[in-house]
Amino acid sequence: MERETKLQYYFEENLGNPFKDDVMVSVTIRDVPSRLLKEFMEKVVNGHYPSGLSAAIKDIMWIAVQKSKEKQVPL
């Protein structure tokens, strides 16, 4: 399976991928302001995540999980 992002590659190489054998699920996000989504797509997704929005959201989730483990406090 091809890695989607550089950050995912970093996590897998340095921390392992605890989710590699997990079941993939689909998630629906509701009530996101259109301007926020547009700005996120323009400034974060486009140019940084060729595989799209899903890869960007997964990276944000990876970062949040790692930061919470480092701090041992809720986000």
PDB file of N, CA and C in Angstrom:
ATOM      1  N   MET A   1       0.849  -1.190   0.000  1.00  0.00           N
ATOM      2  CA  MET A   1       0.000   0.000   0.000  1.00  0.00           C
ATOM      3  C   MET A   1       0.889   1.245   0.000  1.00  0.00           C
ATOM      4  N   GLU A   2       0.608   2.155  -0.895  1.00  0.00           N
ATOM      5  CA  GLU A   2       1.420   3.354  -1.032  1.00  0.00           C
ATOM      6  C   GLU A   2       1.097   4.343   0.082  1.00  0.00           C
ATOM      7  N   ARG A   3       2.146   4.937   0.654  1.00  0.00           N
ATOM      8  CA  ARG A   3       1.914   5.941   1.692  1.00  0.00           C
ATOM      9  C   ARG A   3       1.405   7.214   1.049  1.00  0.00           C
ATOM     10  N   GLU A   4       0.444   7.873   1.677  1.00  0.00           N
ATOM     11  CA  GLU A   4      -0.200   9.026   1.070  1.00  0.00           C
ATOM     12  C   GLU A   4       0.562  10.326   1.282  1.00  0.00           C
ATOM     13  N   THR A   5       1.254  10.468   2.405  1.00  0.00           N
ATOM     14  CA  THR A   5       1.873  11.747   2.716  1.00  0.00           C
ATOM     15  C   THR A   5       3.233  11.552   3.344  1.00  0.00           C
ATOM     16  N   LYS A   6       4.021  12.624   3.329  1.00  0.00           N
ATOM     17  CA  LYS A   6       5.340  12.585   3.968  1.00  0.00           C
ATOM     18  C   LYS A   6       5.202  12.408   5.476  1.00  0.00           C
ATOM     19  N   LEU A   7       4.206  13.052   6.070  1.00  0.00           N
ATOM     20  CA  LEU A   7       4.016  12.945   7.514  1.00  0.00           C
ATOM     21  C   LEU A   7       3.626  11.525   7.902  1.00  0.00           C
ATOM     22  N   GLN A   8       2.752  10.908   7.129  1.00  0.00           N
ATOM     23  CA  GLN A   8       2.386   9.521   7.396  1.00  0.00           C
ATOM     24  C   GLN A   8       3.618   8.639   7.288  1.00  0.00           C
ATOM     25  N   TYR A   9       4.476   8.904   6.302  1.00  0.00           N
ATOM     26  CA  TYR A   9       5.724   8.158   6.146  1.00  0.00           C
ATOM     27  C   TYR A   9       6.579   8.320   7.402  1.00  0.00           C
ATOM     28  N   TYR A  10       6.698   9.557   7.907  1.00  0.00           N
ATOM     29  CA  TYR A  10       7.479   9.806   9.119  1.00  0.00           C
ATOM     30  C   TYR A  10       6.947   9.000  10.295  1.00  0.00           C
ATOM     31  N   PHE A  11       5.650   9.042  10.516  1.00  0.00           N
ATOM     32  CA  PHE A  11       5.064   8.318  11.635  1.00  0.00           C
ATOM     33  C   PHE A  11       5.288   6.818  11.515  1.00  0.00           C
ATOM     34  N   GLU A  12       5.088   6.292  10.318  1.00  0.00           N
ATOM     35  CA  GLU A  12       5.259   4.849  10.130  1.00  0.00           C
ATOM     36  C   GLU A  12       6.709   4.429  10.325  1.00  0.00           C
ATOM     37  N   GLU A  13       7.650   5.239   9.843  1.00  0.00           N
ATOM     38  CA  GLU A  13       9.066   4.894   9.967  1.00  0.00           C
ATOM     39  C   GLU A  13       9.561   5.041  11.406  1.00  0.00           C
ATOM     40  N   ASN A  14       9.082   6.037  12.121  1.00  0.00           N
ATOM     41  CA  ASN A  14       9.593   6.332  13.452  1.00  0.00           C
ATOM     42  C   ASN A  14       8.736   5.790  14.593  1.00  0.00           C
ATOM     43  N   LEU A  15       7.461   5.640  14.364  1.00  0.00           N
ATOM     44  CA  LEU A  15       6.569   5.240  15.440  1.00  0.00           C
ATOM     45  C   LEU A  15       5.801   3.964  15.124  1.00  0.00           C
ATOM     46  N   GLY A  16       5.948   3.478  13.918  1.00  0.00           N
ATOM     47  CA  GLY A  16       5.158   2.333  13.498  1.00  0.00           C
ATOM     48  C   GLY A  16       3.762   2.790  13.127  1.00  0.00           C
ATOM     49  N   ASN A  17       3.010   1.908  12.538  1.00  0.00           N
ATOM     50  CA  ASN A  17       1.633   2.245  12.171  1.00  0.00           C
ATOM     51  C   ASN A  17       0.701   1.309  12.920  1.00  0.00           C
ATOM     52  N   PRO A  18       0.207   1.759  14.064  1.00  0.00           N
ATOM     53  CA  PRO A  18      -0.660   0.890  14.850  1.00  0.00           C
ATOM     54  C   PRO A  18      -1.994   0.601  14.161  1.00  0.00           C
ATOM     55  N   PHE A  19      -2.294   1.301  13.083  1.00  0.00           N
ATOM     56  CA  PHE A  19      -3.581   1.150  12.414  1.00  0.00           C
ATOM     57  C   PHE A  19      -3.491   0.353  11.122  1.00  0.00           C
ATOM     58  N   LYS A  20      -2.318  -0.188  10.799  1.00  0.00           N
ATOM     59  CA  LYS A  20      -2.138  -0.822   9.488  1.00  0.00           C
ATOM     60  C   LYS A  20      -3.082  -1.990   9.252  1.00  0.00           C
ATOM     61  N   ASP A  21      -3.471  -2.705  10.280  1.00  0.00           N
ATOM     62  CA  ASP A  21      -4.381  -3.835  10.129  1.00  0.00           C
ATOM     63  C   ASP A  21      -5.811  -3.494  10.519  1.00  0.00           C
ATOM     64  N   ASP A  22      -6.065  -2.213  10.724  1.00  0.00           N
ATOM     65  CA  ASP A  22      -7.388  -1.774  11.171  1.00  0.00           C
ATOM     66  C   ASP A  22      -8.356  -1.688   9.986  1.00  0.00           C
ATOM     67  N   VAL A  23      -9.617  -1.652  10.298  1.00  0.00           N
ATOM     68  CA  VAL A  23     -10.668  -1.508   9.292  1.00  0.00           C
ATOM     69  C   VAL A  23     -10.829  -0.018   8.981  1.00  0.00           C
ATOM     70  N   MET A  24     -10.911   0.319   7.704  1.00  0.00           N
ATOM     71  CA  MET A  24     -11.115   1.713   7.307  1.00  0.00           C
ATOM     72  C   MET A  24     -12.603   2.041   7.388  1.00  0.00           C
ATOM     73  N   VAL A  25     -12.905   3.246   7.851  1.00  0.00           N
ATOM     74  CA  VAL A  25     -14.286   3.697   7.953  1.00  0.00           C
ATOM     75  C   VAL A  25     -14.442   5.016   7.198  1.00  0.00           C
ATOM     76  N   SER A  26     -15.650   5.345   6.855  1.00  0.00           N
ATOM     77  CA  SER A  26     -15.952   6.632   6.234  1.00  0.00           C
ATOM     78  C   SER A  26     -16.513   7.553   7.299  1.00  0.00           C
ATOM     79  N   VAL A  27     -16.154   8.824   7.224  1.00  0.00           N
ATOM     80  CA  VAL A  27     -16.577   9.804   8.212  1.00  0.00           C
ATOM     81  C   VAL A  27     -17.260  10.959   7.490  1.00  0.00           C
ATOM     82  N   THR A  28     -18.356  11.424   8.052  1.00  0.00           N
ATOM     83  CA  THR A  28     -19.040  12.598   7.528  1.00  0.00           C
ATOM     84  C   THR A  28     -18.839  13.738   8.512  1.00  0.00           C
ATOM     85  N   ILE A  29     -18.396  14.861   8.010  1.00  0.00           N
ATOM     86  CA  ILE A  29     -18.201  16.046   8.851  1.00  0.00           C
ATOM     87  C   ILE A  29     -19.278  17.040   8.471  1.00  0.00           C
ATOM     88  N   ARG A  30     -20.020  17.494   9.446  1.00  0.00           N
ATOM     89  CA  ARG A  30     -21.153  18.394   9.181  1.00  0.00           C
ATOM     90  C   ARG A  30     -20.873  19.796   9.728  1.00  0.00           C
ATOM     91  N   ASP A  31     -21.590  20.733   9.179  1.00  0.00           N
ATOM     92  CA  ASP A  31     -21.619  22.121   9.663  1.00  0.00           C
ATOM     93  C   ASP A  31     -20.249  22.798   9.636  1.00  0.00           C
ATOM     94  N   VAL A  32     -19.497  22.578   8.567  1.00  0.00           N
ATOM     95  CA  VAL A  32     -18.230  23.268   8.374  1.00  0.00           C
ATOM     96  C   VAL A  32     -18.518  24.522   7.545  1.00  0.00           C
ATOM     97  N   PRO A  33     -18.124  25.678   8.028  1.00  0.00           N
ATOM     98  CA  PRO A  33     -18.359  26.896   7.246  1.00  0.00           C
ATOM     99  C   PRO A  33     -17.656  26.810   5.886  1.00  0.00           C
ATOM    100  N   SER A  34     -18.342  27.216   4.845  1.00  0.00           N
ATOM    101  CA  SER A  34     -17.784  27.098   3.491  1.00  0.00           C
ATOM    102  C   SER A  34     -16.494  27.886   3.332  1.00  0.00           C
ATOM    103  N   ARG A  35     -16.402  29.054   3.965  1.00  0.00           N
ATOM    104  CA  ARG A  35     -15.157  29.841   3.860  1.00  0.00           C
ATOM    105  C   ARG A  35     -13.993  29.125   4.525  1.00  0.00           C
ATOM    106  N   LEU A  36     -14.256  28.447   5.650  1.00  0.00           N
ATOM    107  CA  LEU A  36     -13.201  27.697   6.325  1.00  0.00           C
ATOM    108  C   LEU A  36     -12.725  26.542   5.450  1.00  0.00           C
ATOM    109  N   LEU A  37     -13.655  25.825   4.864  1.00  0.00           N
ATOM    110  CA  LEU A  37     -13.292  24.714   3.986  1.00  0.00           C
ATOM    111  C   LEU A  37     -12.512  25.216   2.774  1.00  0.00           C
ATOM    112  N   LYS A  38     -12.976  26.296   2.177  1.00  0.00           N
ATOM    113  CA  LYS A  38     -12.295  26.861   1.012  1.00  0.00           C
ATOM    114  C   LYS A  38     -10.870  27.274   1.367  1.00  0.00           C
ATOM    115  N   GLU A  39     -10.695  27.967   2.475  1.00  0.00           N
ATOM    116  CA  GLU A  39      -9.367  28.406   2.901  1.00  0.00           C
ATOM    117  C   GLU A  39      -8.472  27.217   3.243  1.00  0.00           C
ATOM    118  N   PHE A  40      -9.017  26.201   3.896  1.00  0.00           N
ATOM    119  CA  PHE A  40      -8.256  24.996   4.221  1.00  0.00           C
ATOM    120  C   PHE A  40      -7.791  24.304   2.935  1.00  0.00           C
ATOM    121  N   MET A  41      -8.694  24.207   1.961  1.00  0.00           N
ATOM    122  CA  MET A  41      -8.333  23.587   0.686  1.00  0.00           C
ATOM    123  C   MET A  41      -7.242  24.386  -0.021  1.00  0.00           C
ATOM    124  N   GLU A  42      -7.377  25.709  -0.042  1.00  0.00           N
ATOM    125  CA  GLU A  42      -6.412  26.553  -0.743  1.00  0.00           C
ATOM    126  C   GLU A  42      -5.051  26.579  -0.063  1.00  0.00           C
ATOM    127  N   LYS A  43      -5.033  26.689   1.269  1.00  0.00           N
ATOM    128  CA  LYS A  43      -3.777  26.919   1.982  1.00  0.00           C
ATOM    129  C   LYS A  43      -3.107  25.650   2.493  1.00  0.00           C
ATOM    130  N   VAL A  44      -3.867  24.589   2.688  1.00  0.00           N
ATOM    131  CA  VAL A  44      -3.292  23.365   3.250  1.00  0.00           C
ATOM    132  C   VAL A  44      -3.308  22.220   2.247  1.00  0.00           C
ATOM    133  N   VAL A  45      -4.459  21.914   1.718  1.00  0.00           N
ATOM    134  CA  VAL A  45      -4.599  20.715   0.891  1.00  0.00           C
ATOM    135  C   VAL A  45      -3.910  20.877  -0.463  1.00  0.00           C
ATOM    136  N   ASN A  46      -4.275  21.911  -1.202  1.00  0.00           N
ATOM    137  CA  ASN A  46      -3.701  22.114  -2.536  1.00  0.00           C
ATOM    138  C   ASN A  46      -2.203  22.359  -2.420  1.00  0.00           C
ATOM    139  N   GLY A  47      -1.437  21.577  -3.110  1.00  0.00           N
ATOM    140  CA  GLY A  47       0.011  21.739  -3.095  1.00  0.00           C
ATOM    141  C   GLY A  47       0.724  20.885  -2.065  1.00  0.00           C
ATOM    142  N   HIS A  48       0.058  20.558  -0.959  1.00  0.00           N
ATOM    143  CA  HIS A  48       0.699  19.763   0.094  1.00  0.00           C
ATOM    144  C   HIS A  48       0.193  18.333   0.115  1.00  0.00           C
ATOM    145  N   TYR A  49      -1.019  18.114  -0.330  1.00  0.00           N
ATOM    146  CA  TYR A  49      -1.639  16.792  -0.281  1.00  0.00           C
ATOM    147  C   TYR A  49      -2.215  16.436  -1.650  1.00  0.00           C
ATOM    148  N   PRO A  50      -1.374  15.879  -2.538  1.00  0.00           N
ATOM    149  CA  PRO A  50      -1.856  15.541  -3.872  1.00  0.00           C
ATOM    150  C   PRO A  50      -3.015  14.540  -3.863  1.00  0.00           C
ATOM    151  N   SER A  51      -3.093  13.713  -2.819  1.00  0.00           N
ATOM    152  CA  SER A  51      -4.187  12.742  -2.784  1.00  0.00           C
ATOM    153  C   SER A  51      -5.457  13.327  -2.173  1.00  0.00           C
ATOM    154  N   GLY A  52      -5.427  14.607  -1.780  1.00  0.00           N
ATOM    155  CA  GLY A  52      -6.646  15.299  -1.420  1.00  0.00           C
ATOM    156  C   GLY A  52      -6.940  15.516   0.050  1.00  0.00           C
ATOM    157  N   LEU A  53      -8.173  15.902   0.284  1.00  0.00           N
ATOM    158  CA  LEU A  53      -8.661  16.293   1.604  1.00  0.00           C
ATOM    159  C   LEU A  53      -8.538  15.163   2.627  1.00  0.00           C
ATOM    160  N   SER A  54      -8.842  13.962   2.230  1.00  0.00           N
ATOM    161  CA  SER A  54      -8.783  12.830   3.158  1.00  0.00           C
ATOM    162  C   SER A  54      -7.374  12.668   3.750  1.00  0.00           C
ATOM    163  N   ALA A  55      -6.359  12.788   2.925  1.00  0.00           N
ATOM    164  CA  ALA A  55      -4.976  12.665   3.407  1.00  0.00           C
ATOM    165  C   ALA A  55      -4.646  13.781   4.395  1.00  0.00           C
ATOM    166  N   ALA A  56      -5.109  14.993   4.117  1.00  0.00           N
ATOM    167  CA  ALA A  56      -4.857  16.114   5.025  1.00  0.00           C
ATOM    168  C   ALA A  56      -5.517  15.887   6.382  1.00  0.00           C
ATOM    169  N   ILE A  57      -6.747  15.426   6.371  1.00  0.00           N
ATOM    170  CA  ILE A  57      -7.456  15.169   7.630  1.00  0.00           C
ATOM    171  C   ILE A  57      -6.774  14.047   8.406  1.00  0.00           C
ATOM    172  N   LYS A  58      -6.330  12.996   7.717  1.00  0.00           N
ATOM    173  CA  LYS A  58      -5.618  11.908   8.408  1.00  0.00           C
ATOM    174  C   LYS A  58      -4.339  12.413   9.061  1.00  0.00           C
ATOM    175  N   ASP A  59      -3.599  13.298   8.378  1.00  0.00           N
ATOM    176  CA  ASP A  59      -2.391  13.856   8.982  1.00  0.00           C
ATOM    177  C   ASP A  59      -2.715  14.666  10.234  1.00  0.00           C
ATOM    178  N   ILE A  60      -3.770  15.466  10.175  1.00  0.00           N
ATOM    179  CA  ILE A  60      -4.167  16.245  11.345  1.00  0.00           C
ATOM    180  C   ILE A  60      -4.515  15.313  12.504  1.00  0.00           C
ATOM    181  N   MET A  61      -5.181  14.218  12.199  1.00  0.00           N
ATOM    182  CA  MET A  61      -5.529  13.243  13.245  1.00  0.00           C
ATOM    183  C   MET A  61      -4.265  12.609  13.822  1.00  0.00           C
ATOM    184  N   TRP A  62      -3.310  12.220  12.948  1.00  0.00           N
ATOM    185  CA  TRP A  62      -2.047  11.650  13.433  1.00  0.00           C
ATOM    186  C   TRP A  62      -1.332  12.628  14.365  1.00  0.00           C
ATOM    187  N   ILE A  63      -1.256  13.897  13.949  1.00  0.00           N
ATOM    188  CA  ILE A  63      -0.578  14.918  14.755  1.00  0.00           C
ATOM    189  C   ILE A  63      -1.260  15.073  16.109  1.00  0.00           C
ATOM    190  N   ALA A  64      -2.578  15.148  16.118  1.00  0.00           N
ATOM    191  CA  ALA A  64      -3.317  15.310  17.373  1.00  0.00           C
ATOM    192  C   ALA A  64      -3.087  14.134  18.312  1.00  0.00           C
ATOM    193  N   VAL A  65      -3.088  12.922  17.781  1.00  0.00           N
ATOM    194  CA  VAL A  65      -2.857  11.730  18.605  1.00  0.00           C
ATOM    195  C   VAL A  65      -1.447  11.766  19.195  1.00  0.00           C
ATOM    196  N   GLN A  66      -0.464  12.076  18.372  1.00  0.00           N
ATOM    197  CA  GLN A  66       0.921  12.113  18.864  1.00  0.00           C
ATOM    198  C   GLN A  66       1.124  13.208  19.901  1.00  0.00           C
ATOM    199  N   LYS A  67       0.558  14.384  19.662  1.00  0.00           N
ATOM    200  CA  LYS A  67       0.695  15.483  20.635  1.00  0.00           C
ATOM    201  C   LYS A  67       0.033  15.128  21.958  1.00  0.00           C
ATOM    202  N   SER A  68      -1.114  14.477  21.904  1.00  0.00           N
ATOM    203  CA  SER A  68      -1.777  14.112  23.152  1.00  0.00           C
ATOM    204  C   SER A  68      -0.979  13.054  23.904  1.00  0.00           C
ATOM    205  N   LYS A  69      -0.302  12.164  23.174  1.00  0.00           N
ATOM    206  CA  LYS A  69       0.546  11.167  23.840  1.00  0.00           C
ATOM    207  C   LYS A  69       1.748  11.824  24.498  1.00  0.00           C
ATOM    208  N   GLU A  70       2.337  12.822  23.819  1.00  0.00           N
ATOM    209  CA  GLU A  70       3.499  13.531  24.359  1.00  0.00           C
ATOM    210  C   GLU A  70       3.145  14.309  25.616  1.00  0.00           C
ATOM    211  N   LYS A  71       2.006  14.960  25.593  1.00  0.00           N
ATOM    212  CA  LYS A  71       1.588  15.804  26.719  1.00  0.00           C
ATOM    213  C   LYS A  71       0.854  15.034  27.796  1.00  0.00           C
ATOM    214  N   GLN A  72       0.258  13.904  27.400  1.00  0.00           N
ATOM    215  CA  GLN A  72      -0.543  13.104  28.318  1.00  0.00           C
ATOM    216  C   GLN A  72      -1.686  13.905  28.927  1.00  0.00           C
ATOM    217  N   VAL A  73      -2.195  14.861  28.154  1.00  0.00           N
ATOM    218  CA  VAL A  73      -3.361  15.633  28.576  1.00  0.00           C
ATOM    219  C   VAL A  73      -4.325  15.690  27.390  1.00  0.00           C
ATOM    220  N   PRO A  74      -5.596  15.884  27.653  1.00  0.00           N
ATOM    221  CA  PRO A  74      -6.545  16.019  26.547  1.00  0.00           C
ATOM    222  C   PRO A  74      -6.227  17.235  25.689  1.00  0.00           C
ATOM    223  N   LEU A  75      -6.616  17.192  24.425  1.00  0.00           N
ATOM    224  CA  LEU A  75      -6.369  18.337  23.519  1.00  0.00           C
ATOM    225  C   LEU A  75      -7.211  19.514  23.878  1.00  0.00           C
TER     226      LEU A  75
END
